[in-house]
Amino acid sequence: MNPKSELFWPCLVQLKAAMYSYVPQDEAALLEALRDGRFSKTNKKYSDTEISELRHSKRWKQRFDAFLRKKIHPGSIIQSRLKMWMQEWEGRQDSVGCRVLTNSTSKVATEQLKKVGNAADPDDVNLYQKIPPGRRSTHQLPKYRCCRPESPLEKFHEILAHFANTGSNTMLADALTLGGTSAHNVASRWKKNVNDIRLQGCDIEIPSHFQQVPPFSNHSLLILINETAEEQGLSRIFDFVTPIGDDNGEVFLSEYYLQQKIRNETLGKKNATAACVCVDCVSCLPIATRMDPIHHQDLEKRKSEASALVVSPKKTKKTSQPQIQPFLKPALPPIPPTTAQITSPRPSATQSNGWLLSPRGCCFQQPPFFCKAYHCYLVKKNIGVSVLGKPPHDASCPVRRGWI
């Protein structure tokens, strides 16, 4: 929409009304506080006209959005009201001839009609966290924090960009991002804990300007102290602790990026959607989207190229020991005809004349012979990807530590 049009705010308010409505109890309490003058330091009492003007301005969201819970309409209602909104405002102009809807508004709204049918709030889930008012609050209205996953996630993405930058190396970027994420989660859990105590009517023996600051950042240390105290026959010292869950095998940040990069280079991806075509990802797609003969032919070509990367043993000038390069070994289990599964690249020992020979230039003397960073480097090099700079090694690799 065109924000410079005189009809912008009436059009926007009607669009919001087509998507959601306020909880009647919250809206009634807010209107009563505005009319009684409890929302003004000067005890100003707002009239209905002034309240309507506030609704049609950005001050309404800035000042009162936290006091109002929203209820999203069912998808069928949104579709019906959105169609009526398009019919009413399409082509309308203000007093100076400025249209409120742009040329792309109709196209975007028509596309949204296909998706809003699935938008609705579940009835059995509490979507808001209640924040009680402070002691000095004149209106005594509680605030509400939205628990829908999208809002906190988008808010976290705002600060995620400030943890690390492209000038950081891999280890530093991972450490900064994981550390910042952990600190954010600890602070969020502490704020919720303080709010739960306040909802129970208990006092917080912490100054108000420090209540949102978590007193401890390392909960693993708190758990260790509690366990040590219990072993000595003492009571637990810290009540609010959050243990770390078991490792479920999920990888993050640079590890996932490198693994996905190898999958893209070996297995490829769909040209139209840029979707990964590994077995795990394809199994999650609808059956109709799996059939791609053109991409299947390209994947078979890549598989044959990967099979050709096996280098036959040959003698070098310096030594007569066979030179063995790490290779990709494609596995062919019974899978859909449009996908081909290639096992994750892992260098293995090769048997020659009954003796096990370790690969050339290995990091370890026993399998796996290569650290993960150097292994990824060799895989990219073998499939023809340009690799620059000195071969990398993990922090725990003996080569990097200077032991080899």
Protein backbone atom coordinates (compact mmCIF):
# COMPACT_ATOMS: atom_id res chain seq x y z
CA MET A 1 0.00 0.00 0.00
CA ASN A 2 0.97 3.61 -0.50
CA PRO A 3 1.72 5.21 2.92
CA LYS A 4 1.56 8.71 1.39
CA SER A 5 -2.11 8.35 0.50
CA GLU A 6 -4.75 9.98 2.71
CA LEU A 7 -6.64 6.68 2.74
CA PHE A 8 -3.68 4.64 4.00
CA TRP A 9 -4.71 4.31 7.64
CA PRO A 10 -8.43 3.56 7.07
CA CYS A 11 -7.40 0.94 4.52
CA LEU A 12 -4.79 -0.58 6.85
CA VAL A 13 -7.17 -0.70 9.83
CA GLN A 14 -9.77 -2.52 7.76
CA LEU A 15 -7.13 -4.96 6.49
CA LYS A 16 -6.11 -5.77 10.08
CA ALA A 17 -9.76 -6.26 11.02
CA ALA A 18 -10.03 -8.81 8.22
CA MET A 19 -7.13 -10.80 9.68
CA TYR A 20 -7.70 -10.71 13.44
CA SER A 21 -9.70 -9.19 16.26
CA TYR A 22 -8.84 -8.20 19.81
CA VAL A 23 -9.96 -10.21 22.81
CA PRO A 24 -13.14 -8.39 23.98
CA GLN A 25 -12.10 -8.28 27.65
CA ASP A 26 -8.74 -6.67 26.82
CA GLU A 27 -10.25 -4.12 24.46
CA ALA A 28 -12.99 -3.19 26.92
CA ALA A 29 -10.49 -2.71 29.78
CA LEU A 30 -8.26 -0.53 27.58
CA LEU A 31 -11.14 1.67 26.39
CA GLU A 32 -12.33 2.13 29.96
CA ALA A 33 -8.86 3.17 31.11
CA LEU A 34 -8.59 5.68 28.24
CA ARG A 35 -11.97 7.22 29.00
CA ASP A 36 -11.24 7.44 32.75
CA GLY A 37 -7.90 9.19 32.24
CA ARG A 38 -5.82 6.44 33.82
CA PHE A 39 -3.51 6.28 30.79
CA SER A 40 -2.32 9.88 31.08
CA LYS A 41 -0.04 11.52 33.61
CA THR A 42 -2.29 14.58 33.45
CA ASN A 43 -5.47 12.46 33.90
CA LYS A 44 -6.64 13.36 30.41
CA LYS A 45 -9.87 11.59 29.48
CA TYR A 46 -10.02 10.51 25.84
CA SER A 47 -13.25 10.86 23.90
CA ASP A 48 -14.49 8.32 21.38
CA THR A 49 -13.36 10.58 18.55
CA GLU A 50 -9.84 10.83 19.94
CA ILE A 51 -9.73 7.06 20.48
CA SER A 52 -10.76 6.56 16.83
CA GLU A 53 -7.97 8.90 15.73
CA LEU A 54 -5.49 6.90 17.80
CA ARG A 55 -6.65 3.70 16.10
CA HIS A 56 -5.86 5.25 12.72
CA SER A 57 -2.28 6.15 13.60
CA LYS A 58 0.93 4.37 14.43
CA ARG A 59 0.66 5.52 18.08
CA TRP A 60 -2.04 2.90 18.69
CA LYS A 61 0.38 0.03 18.11
CA GLN A 62 3.27 1.77 19.87
CA ARG A 63 1.35 2.54 23.06
CA PHE A 64 -1.39 -0.05 23.43
CA ASP A 65 -0.40 -3.13 21.40
CA ALA A 66 1.16 -4.82 24.44
CA PHE A 67 -2.15 -4.62 26.36
CA LEU A 68 -4.24 -6.33 23.66
CA ARG A 69 -4.30 -9.99 22.76
CA LYS A 70 -5.09 -10.85 19.15
CA LYS A 71 -7.29 -13.68 17.94
CA ILE A 72 -6.72 -14.72 14.33
CA HIS A 73 -9.90 -15.45 12.43
CA PRO A 74 -10.48 -18.87 10.83
CA GLY A 75 -9.17 -19.20 7.30
CA SER A 76 -12.57 -19.07 5.61
CA ILE A 77 -13.45 -15.79 7.34
CA ILE A 78 -10.10 -14.25 6.37
CA GLN A 79 -10.58 -15.25 2.74
CA SER A 80 -14.08 -13.76 2.62
CA ARG A 81 -13.09 -10.49 4.31
CA LEU A 82 -9.93 -10.17 2.25
CA LYS A 83 -11.95 -10.41 -0.96
CA MET A 84 -14.36 -7.75 0.30
CA TRP A 85 -11.39 -5.54 1.27
CA MET A 86 -9.91 -5.83 -2.24
CA GLN A 87 -13.24 -4.97 -3.88
CA GLU A 88 -13.72 -1.92 -1.66
CA TRP A 89 -10.27 -0.35 -1.92
CA GLU A 90 -9.03 -1.37 -5.34
CA GLY A 91 -8.80 1.70 -7.55
CA ARG A 92 -9.83 4.19 -4.82
CA GLN A 93 -8.05 7.55 -4.78
CA ASP A 94 -7.78 10.34 -2.23
CA SER A 95 -8.52 14.04 -2.74
CA VAL A 96 -5.32 14.62 -4.72
CA GLY A 97 -5.77 11.57 -6.93
CA CYS A 98 -3.27 9.32 -5.14
CA ARG A 99 -4.21 5.64 -5.13
CA VAL A 100 -3.98 3.81 -1.82
CA LEU A 101 -3.24 0.40 -3.40
CA THR A 102 -0.20 -0.03 -5.61
CA ASN A 103 -0.01 -2.08 -8.80
CA SER A 104 1.35 -5.13 -6.96
CA THR A 105 -1.20 -5.10 -4.11
CA SER A 106 -3.85 -6.99 -6.03
CA LYS A 107 -1.37 -9.65 -7.15
CA VAL A 108 -0.03 -10.16 -3.62
CA ALA A 109 -3.50 -10.29 -2.06
CA THR A 110 -4.69 -12.80 -4.66
CA GLU A 111 -1.70 -15.02 -3.89
CA GLN A 112 -2.41 -14.79 -0.15
CA LEU A 113 -5.94 -16.04 -0.69
CA LYS A 114 -4.44 -19.46 -1.43
CA LYS A 115 -2.57 -19.57 1.88
CA VAL A 116 -4.72 -17.80 4.49
CA GLY A 117 -7.15 -20.72 4.44
CA ASN A 118 -4.67 -22.58 6.68
CA ALA A 119 -4.21 -19.68 9.11
CA ALA A 120 -6.00 -20.05 12.44
CA ASP A 121 -5.26 -20.13 16.16
CA PRO A 122 -5.75 -23.46 17.99
CA ASP A 123 -8.32 -23.34 20.75
CA ASP A 124 -6.44 -25.53 23.24
CA VAL A 125 -3.13 -23.63 23.23
CA ASN A 126 -2.29 -20.57 25.33
CA LEU A 127 -0.74 -18.15 22.86
CA TYR A 128 0.15 -15.34 25.29
CA GLN A 129 2.17 -14.97 28.44
CA LYS A 130 0.64 -12.61 30.96
CA ILE A 131 2.87 -9.93 32.51
CA PRO A 132 1.36 -8.39 35.65
CA PRO A 133 1.39 -4.59 36.04
CA GLY A 134 3.87 -2.84 38.27
CA ARG A 135 3.04 -1.36 41.65
CA ARG A 136 3.22 2.22 40.39
CA SER A 137 1.06 1.57 37.33
CA THR A 138 -1.98 3.89 37.27
CA HIS A 139 -4.06 1.88 34.81
CA GLN A 140 -3.20 -1.53 36.39
CA LEU A 141 -3.62 -3.32 33.06
CA PRO A 142 -1.50 -6.43 32.43
CA LYS A 143 0.69 -6.75 29.38
CA TYR A 144 0.84 -9.81 27.14
CA ARG A 145 3.80 -11.36 25.40
CA CYS A 146 3.01 -13.37 22.29
CA CYS A 147 4.05 -17.03 22.38
CA ARG A 148 3.53 -17.72 18.70
CA PRO A 149 6.83 -19.15 17.45
CA GLU A 150 7.27 -16.81 14.49
CA SER A 151 7.44 -13.56 16.48
CA PRO A 152 10.22 -14.62 18.92
CA LEU A 153 12.12 -16.30 16.08
CA GLU A 154 12.09 -13.19 13.91
CA LYS A 155 13.11 -11.11 16.92
CA PHE A 156 16.05 -13.44 17.53
CA HIS A 157 17.12 -13.16 13.88
CA GLU A 158 17.51 -9.43 14.47
CA ILE A 159 20.30 -9.96 17.01
CA LEU A 160 21.70 -13.07 15.35
CA ALA A 161 23.37 -10.94 12.67
CA HIS A 162 25.51 -9.21 15.32
CA PHE A 163 27.14 -12.33 16.81
CA ALA A 164 29.73 -12.95 14.09
CA ASN A 165 30.65 -11.61 10.67
CA THR A 166 32.21 -12.84 7.47
CA GLY A 167 35.64 -11.71 8.63
CA SER A 168 35.68 -14.32 11.42
CA ASN A 169 37.23 -17.72 10.93
CA THR A 170 35.12 -20.85 11.31
CA MET A 171 35.90 -21.58 14.96
CA LEU A 172 35.44 -17.98 16.09
CA ALA A 173 32.16 -17.59 14.21
CA ASP A 174 30.79 -20.82 15.73
CA ALA A 175 31.90 -19.81 19.22
CA LEU A 176 30.39 -16.32 18.98
CA THR A 177 27.11 -17.56 17.54
CA LEU A 178 26.65 -20.43 19.99
CA GLY A 179 27.69 -18.22 22.90
CA GLY A 180 25.30 -15.45 21.90
CA THR A 181 22.46 -17.93 21.37
CA SER A 182 23.07 -19.51 24.78
CA ALA A 183 23.13 -16.12 26.49
CA HIS A 184 19.88 -15.14 24.76
CA ASN A 185 18.16 -18.37 25.84
CA VAL A 186 19.38 -18.03 29.44
CA ALA A 187 18.07 -14.46 29.63
CA SER A 188 14.70 -15.45 28.13
CA ARG A 189 14.24 -18.32 30.58
CA TRP A 190 15.16 -16.07 33.51
CA LYS A 191 12.64 -13.41 32.48
CA LYS A 192 9.92 -16.04 32.28
CA ASN A 193 10.88 -17.38 35.70
CA VAL A 194 10.68 -13.89 37.24
CA ASN A 195 7.32 -13.30 35.57
CA ASP A 196 5.94 -16.63 36.88
CA ILE A 197 6.95 -15.66 40.42
CA ARG A 198 5.22 -12.31 40.06
CA LEU A 199 2.06 -13.97 38.76
CA GLN A 200 1.95 -16.05 41.95
CA GLY A 201 1.85 -12.84 43.98
CA CYS A 202 5.34 -13.26 45.44
CA ASP A 203 7.85 -10.45 45.77
CA ILE A 204 11.15 -10.49 43.93
CA GLU A 205 14.00 -9.57 46.26
CA ILE A 206 15.91 -7.98 43.40
CA PRO A 207 15.93 -4.28 42.42
CA SER A 208 13.55 -3.63 39.54
CA HIS A 209 16.31 -2.50 37.17
CA PHE A 210 18.14 -5.83 37.70
CA GLN A 211 15.17 -8.20 37.55
CA GLN A 212 15.60 -8.82 33.82
CA VAL A 213 19.31 -9.66 34.16
CA PRO A 214 20.06 -13.36 34.80
CA PRO A 215 22.32 -13.80 37.84
CA PHE A 216 24.15 -16.81 36.33
CA SER A 217 25.05 -17.71 32.78
CA ASN A 218 26.57 -21.19 33.22
CA HIS A 219 23.81 -23.50 34.41
CA SER A 220 25.99 -26.58 33.96
CA LEU A 221 28.17 -25.28 36.78
CA LEU A 222 25.08 -24.71 38.95
CA ILE A 223 24.00 -28.30 38.37
CA LEU A 224 27.46 -29.53 39.35
CA ILE A 225 27.34 -27.49 42.57
CA ASN A 226 23.88 -28.86 43.41
CA GLU A 227 25.01 -32.44 42.82
CA THR A 228 28.12 -31.91 44.95
CA ALA A 229 26.00 -30.47 47.77
CA GLU A 230 23.60 -33.43 47.66
CA GLU A 231 26.52 -35.87 47.77
CA GLN A 232 27.69 -34.17 50.97
CA GLY A 233 24.24 -34.44 52.52
CA LEU A 234 23.30 -30.78 51.99
CA SER A 235 20.22 -29.34 50.33
CA ARG A 236 20.25 -27.97 46.81
CA ILE A 237 21.67 -24.46 46.64
CA PHE A 238 20.15 -23.26 43.36
CA ASP A 239 16.49 -23.84 42.53
CA PHE A 240 16.20 -22.46 39.01
CA VAL A 241 18.63 -24.42 36.82
CA THR A 242 18.23 -25.66 33.26
CA PRO A 243 20.21 -28.80 32.35
CA ILE A 244 21.51 -29.39 28.85
CA GLY A 245 19.59 -32.04 26.93
CA ASP A 246 21.11 -35.17 25.46
CA ASP A 247 22.95 -34.93 22.17
CA ASN A 248 20.52 -35.89 19.41
CA GLY A 249 23.12 -35.86 16.65
CA GLU A 250 22.06 -32.53 15.15
CA VAL A 251 24.85 -30.38 13.72
CA PHE A 252 24.93 -26.60 13.66
CA LEU A 253 26.53 -23.66 11.89
CA SER A 254 29.73 -24.41 10.00
CA GLU A 255 29.44 -28.19 10.36
CA TYR A 256 26.00 -28.18 8.78
CA TYR A 257 27.13 -25.69 6.13
CA LEU A 258 30.06 -27.85 5.07
CA GLN A 259 27.97 -31.01 5.01
CA GLN A 260 25.25 -29.31 2.96
CA LYS A 261 27.87 -27.91 0.60
CA ILE A 262 29.25 -31.39 -0.01
CA ARG A 263 25.73 -32.73 -0.60
CA ASN A 264 25.04 -29.98 -3.11
CA GLU A 265 28.28 -30.65 -4.96
CA THR A 266 27.90 -34.44 -5.04
CA LEU A 267 24.15 -34.91 -5.25
CA GLY A 268 23.16 -31.60 -6.79
CA LYS A 269 19.93 -29.69 -6.22
CA LYS A 270 16.80 -28.81 -8.13
CA ASN A 271 17.34 -25.92 -10.52
CA ALA A 272 13.86 -24.46 -10.05
CA THR A 273 13.54 -24.62 -6.26
CA ALA A 274 17.20 -25.06 -5.15
CA ALA A 275 15.97 -27.93 -2.94
CA CYS A 276 18.40 -30.58 -1.77
CA VAL A 277 17.85 -33.99 -3.39
CA CYS A 278 19.46 -36.25 -0.80
CA VAL A 279 17.40 -39.21 0.35
CA ASP A 280 16.39 -37.62 3.66
CA CYS A 281 15.18 -34.39 2.05
CA VAL A 282 13.42 -36.06 -0.87
CA SER A 283 11.54 -38.40 1.48
CA CYS A 284 9.91 -35.33 3.06
CA LEU A 285 8.68 -33.95 -0.27
CA PRO A 286 5.30 -34.77 -1.86
CA ILE A 287 5.46 -37.65 -4.30
CA ALA A 288 4.39 -35.43 -7.20
CA THR A 289 7.44 -33.19 -6.75
CA ARG A 290 9.96 -36.04 -6.73
CA MET A 291 9.62 -36.91 -10.42
CA ASP A 292 12.16 -34.85 -12.32
CA PRO A 293 13.61 -36.84 -15.28
CA ILE A 294 15.97 -34.08 -16.36
CA HIS A 295 17.43 -33.73 -12.91
CA HIS A 296 17.62 -37.52 -12.57
CA GLN A 297 19.80 -37.71 -15.68
CA ASP A 298 22.06 -34.99 -14.31
CA LEU A 299 22.28 -36.82 -10.98
CA GLU A 300 23.26 -40.05 -12.70
CA LYS A 301 25.99 -38.16 -14.51
CA ARG A 302 27.30 -36.75 -11.25
CA LYS A 303 27.22 -40.22 -9.71
CA SER A 304 29.31 -41.64 -12.53
CA GLU A 305 31.78 -38.77 -12.19
CA ALA A 306 32.05 -39.42 -8.46
CA SER A 307 32.71 -43.12 -9.12
CA ALA A 308 35.50 -42.18 -11.52
CA LEU A 309 37.33 -40.34 -8.74
CA VAL A 310 38.84 -43.60 -7.48
CA VAL A 311 42.51 -43.29 -8.29
CA SER A 312 44.37 -46.47 -9.10
CA PRO A 313 47.52 -47.11 -7.05
CA LYS A 314 50.70 -45.80 -8.61
CA LYS A 315 54.26 -45.35 -7.56
CA THR A 316 55.73 -41.96 -6.84
CA LYS A 317 59.30 -40.81 -7.36
CA LYS A 318 60.11 -40.58 -3.66
CA THR A 319 58.71 -43.90 -2.45
CA SER A 320 57.40 -47.14 -3.84
CA GLN A 321 54.42 -47.17 -1.48
CA PRO A 322 51.12 -47.02 -3.38
CA GLN A 323 49.49 -43.59 -3.40
CA ILE A 324 45.86 -43.90 -2.31
CA GLN A 325 43.49 -40.98 -2.47
CA PRO A 326 40.21 -40.71 -0.57
CA PHE A 327 37.23 -41.40 -2.78
CA LEU A 328 33.45 -41.33 -2.84
CA LYS A 329 31.80 -44.70 -2.76
CA PRO A 330 28.22 -44.52 -4.06
CA ALA A 331 25.75 -46.79 -2.30
CA LEU A 332 22.75 -47.98 -4.30
CA PRO A 333 19.95 -49.20 -1.97
CA PRO A 334 16.38 -49.61 -3.28
CA ILE A 335 15.21 -45.98 -3.40
CA PRO A 336 12.88 -43.97 -5.64
CA PRO A 337 14.07 -43.82 -9.27
CA THR A 338 14.57 -40.04 -9.14
CA THR A 339 17.15 -40.06 -6.34
CA ALA A 340 20.48 -41.69 -5.78
CA GLN A 341 21.98 -42.07 -2.36
CA ILE A 342 25.66 -41.45 -1.98
CA THR A 343 27.09 -42.25 1.41
CA SER A 344 28.81 -39.49 3.29
CA PRO A 345 32.42 -39.27 2.09
CA ARG A 346 34.69 -41.09 4.51
CA PRO A 347 38.25 -42.16 3.64
CA SER A 348 38.81 -45.81 4.46
CA ALA A 349 41.79 -48.08 4.67
CA THR A 350 42.67 -50.05 1.55
CA GLN A 351 43.87 -53.62 1.68
CA SER A 352 46.78 -54.62 -0.55
CA ASN A 353 48.41 -58.06 -0.39
CA GLY A 354 46.80 -58.70 2.98
CA TRP A 355 48.25 -55.55 4.60
CA LEU A 356 46.34 -52.41 5.60
CA LEU A 357 47.85 -49.29 4.10
CA SER A 358 46.94 -45.87 5.50
CA PRO A 359 46.20 -43.09 2.98
CA ARG A 360 48.90 -40.62 2.07
CA GLY A 361 49.13 -37.46 4.19
CA CYS A 362 46.71 -38.69 6.88
CA CYS A 363 46.12 -36.95 10.22
CA PHE A 364 45.68 -40.11 12.30
CA GLN A 365 47.37 -43.49 12.20
CA GLN A 366 44.04 -45.33 12.62
CA PRO A 367 40.63 -44.92 10.91
CA PRO A 368 39.22 -42.39 10.40
CA PHE A 369 42.54 -41.23 8.95
CA PHE A 370 41.52 -37.59 8.39
CA CYS A 371 40.07 -34.90 10.62
CA LYS A 372 36.71 -33.50 9.52
CA ALA A 373 38.04 -30.19 8.13
CA TYR A 374 40.79 -31.84 6.09
CA HIS A 375 38.42 -34.58 4.98
CA CYS A 376 35.95 -32.00 3.57
CA TYR A 377 38.87 -30.26 1.87
CA LEU A 378 39.95 -33.49 0.14
CA VAL A 379 36.40 -34.34 -0.95
CA LYS A 380 35.92 -30.95 -2.60
CA LYS A 381 39.31 -31.22 -4.25
CA ASN A 382 38.57 -34.69 -5.65
CA ILE A 383 35.21 -33.73 -7.16
CA GLY A 384 36.81 -30.85 -9.02
CA VAL A 385 35.86 -27.92 -6.80
CA SER A 386 38.42 -25.13 -6.62
CA VAL A 387 40.04 -25.04 -3.17
CA LEU A 388 42.39 -22.25 -2.24
CA GLY A 389 44.75 -21.70 0.62
CA LYS A 390 46.48 -24.04 3.02
CA PRO A 391 44.70 -27.35 3.79
CA PRO A 392 42.63 -26.85 6.98
CA HIS A 393 42.61 -28.99 10.11
CA ASP A 394 40.36 -29.14 13.19
CA ALA A 395 41.45 -27.66 16.51
CA SER A 396 41.91 -31.16 17.97
CA CYS A 397 43.84 -32.45 14.95
CA PRO A 398 47.42 -33.60 15.76
CA VAL A 399 48.67 -31.87 12.61
CA ARG A 400 47.33 -28.50 13.75
CA ARG A 401 48.70 -28.95 17.27
CA GLY A 402 52.14 -29.71 15.85
CA TRP A 403 52.34 -33.26 17.13
CA ILE A 404 52.82 -34.68 13.62
